Each structure stands twice: as structure tokens, then as C-alpha cells.
Amino acid sequence: MQTAAIIEIDGKKFVEGNEIIAAWKSATGWAWLATEVSEIRRIEDETGGSIINGKPENDIIYYGLVLGSTEEWGYFSGRELGIDEGVEKIF
């Protein structure tokens, strides 16, 4: 696994010049570093939420750096990470 340089300035963490607003890690060594909120999906509004395990759920879609077998910038679901027992929210 590759590792991006994470730096801390005045109590804030940054990756490649972008502030990390939320972060998760898995027992398998993967990490998700959110640098922005891309979309908020709510069951009660026009987005209808995200479909997770076959049912609509409120969700936050983040954009950020995913560190796994490779490093890749992309979108990921905060709700899916939150319900995965193998994933822990760091902050």
C-alpha cells in the first residue's frame, strides 16, 4: 500500500494541500480521507437518500483520497463506511 503524506498545521490535517474534514480506517489497512462534502442525500428530499443494503438511507457523499492497494481520489459514502464493522472513523 502506498501512503500519501499527511501533514498537520495548527491542529488541522492536510493531504496534498487539501484539508481532511473526516477520516476512516479499516482493519485491512485501507483509509478514506474526506476533503469535501460532495452531496447530502436525505430520504425525505428529492435525492431519496442512498440505497444501502436494498433500502434508502440518509447519507453524505464525500470526495477525497482513498488509500488501499493504490491511491485514488474519488467519491465514497459516509453511511456505508459507518455501518461497516471493519471500518473505524478516526475523526
Protein backbone atom coordinates (compact mmCIF):
# COMPACT_ATOMS: atom_id res chain seq x y z
CA MET A 1 0.00 0.00 0.00
CA GLN A 2 1.19 3.47 -0.85
CA THR A 3 0.94 6.24 1.70
CA ALA A 4 0.23 9.88 0.98
CA ALA A 5 1.96 12.50 3.08
CA ILE A 6 -0.43 13.78 5.73
CA ILE A 7 0.72 16.96 7.42
CA GLU A 8 -0.72 18.80 10.41
CA ILE A 9 -0.82 22.59 10.63
CA ASP A 10 -2.48 24.42 13.54
CA GLY A 11 -4.36 21.27 14.56
CA LYS A 12 -5.74 20.65 11.06
CA LYS A 13 -4.66 17.72 8.88
CA PHE A 14 -3.94 18.06 5.17
CA VAL A 15 -3.23 15.68 2.29
CA GLU A 16 -1.77 17.03 -0.96
CA GLY A 17 -2.71 20.56 0.13
CA ASN A 18 -6.36 19.68 0.90
CA GLU A 19 -7.78 19.83 4.43
CA ILE A 20 -9.06 16.49 5.69
CA ILE A 21 -12.55 17.01 7.16
CA ALA A 22 -13.25 13.37 8.12
CA ALA A 23 -11.27 10.13 8.02
CA TRP A 24 -11.83 6.39 8.39
CA LYS A 25 -9.53 3.36 8.52
CA SER A 26 -10.17 -0.34 8.12
CA ALA A 27 -8.65 -3.36 9.79
CA THR A 28 -7.34 -4.37 6.35
CA GLY A 29 -5.23 -1.22 6.06
CA TRP A 30 -7.44 0.88 3.81
CA ALA A 31 -8.09 4.54 4.65
CA TRP A 32 -10.59 7.12 3.38
CA LEU A 33 -9.61 10.78 3.77
CA ALA A 34 -12.54 13.10 3.02
CA THR A 35 -11.59 16.57 1.83
CA GLU A 36 -15.06 17.82 0.89
CA VAL A 37 -18.74 17.02 1.13
CA SER A 38 -19.96 16.37 -2.39
CA GLU A 39 -23.64 15.70 -1.69
CA ILE A 40 -26.06 15.22 1.18
CA ARG A 41 -28.71 12.63 0.41
CA ARG A 42 -31.86 12.55 2.52
CA ILE A 43 -34.75 10.12 2.23
CA GLU A 44 -37.27 12.95 2.64
CA ASP A 45 -35.97 15.19 -0.17
CA GLU A 46 -35.59 14.88 -3.95
CA THR A 47 -32.41 12.80 -3.67
CA GLY A 48 -34.32 9.99 -1.94
CA GLY A 49 -31.22 9.02 0.03
CA SER A 50 -28.71 6.34 -0.94
CA ILE A 51 -29.77 2.74 -1.48
CA ILE A 52 -27.73 0.71 1.02
CA ASN A 53 -28.45 -2.97 1.63
CA GLY A 54 -31.57 -2.64 -0.51
CA LYS A 55 -33.20 0.24 1.34
CA PRO A 56 -32.98 4.06 1.24
CA GLU A 57 -30.75 5.65 3.89
CA ASN A 58 -29.72 9.21 4.70
CA ASP A 59 -26.14 9.62 3.54
CA ILE A 60 -23.27 12.01 3.00
CA ILE A 61 -21.21 11.52 -0.15
CA TYR A 62 -17.63 12.64 0.35
CA TYR A 63 -14.83 13.36 -2.11
CA GLY A 64 -11.32 12.60 -1.03
CA LEU A 65 -8.33 10.30 -1.15
CA VAL A 66 -8.78 6.55 -0.79
CA LEU A 67 -5.66 4.70 0.28
CA GLY A 68 -5.74 0.99 -0.46
CA SER A 69 -3.82 -1.15 -2.91
CA THR A 70 -3.35 2.16 -4.78
CA GLU A 71 -4.01 5.83 -4.01
CA GLU A 72 -7.04 7.23 -5.77
CA TRP A 73 -9.14 10.39 -5.48
CA GLY A 74 -12.86 9.73 -5.69
CA TYR A 75 -16.30 9.69 -4.10
CA PHE A 76 -17.42 7.48 -1.23
CA SER A 77 -20.42 7.03 1.06
CA GLY A 78 -20.11 8.05 4.69
CA ARG A 79 -23.09 5.86 5.60
CA GLU A 80 -21.58 2.74 4.03
CA LEU A 81 -18.34 3.32 5.91
CA GLY A 82 -20.31 3.96 9.12
CA ILE A 83 -22.17 0.64 9.03
CA ASP A 84 -19.13 -1.47 8.07
CA GLU A 85 -17.98 -3.17 11.29
CA GLY A 86 -14.44 -3.45 9.90
CA VAL A 87 -14.13 0.32 9.47
CA GLU A 88 -13.45 2.82 12.25
CA LYS A 89 -13.99 6.58 11.99
CA ILE A 90 -10.79 8.36 13.04
CA PHE A 91 -12.30 11.90 13.10
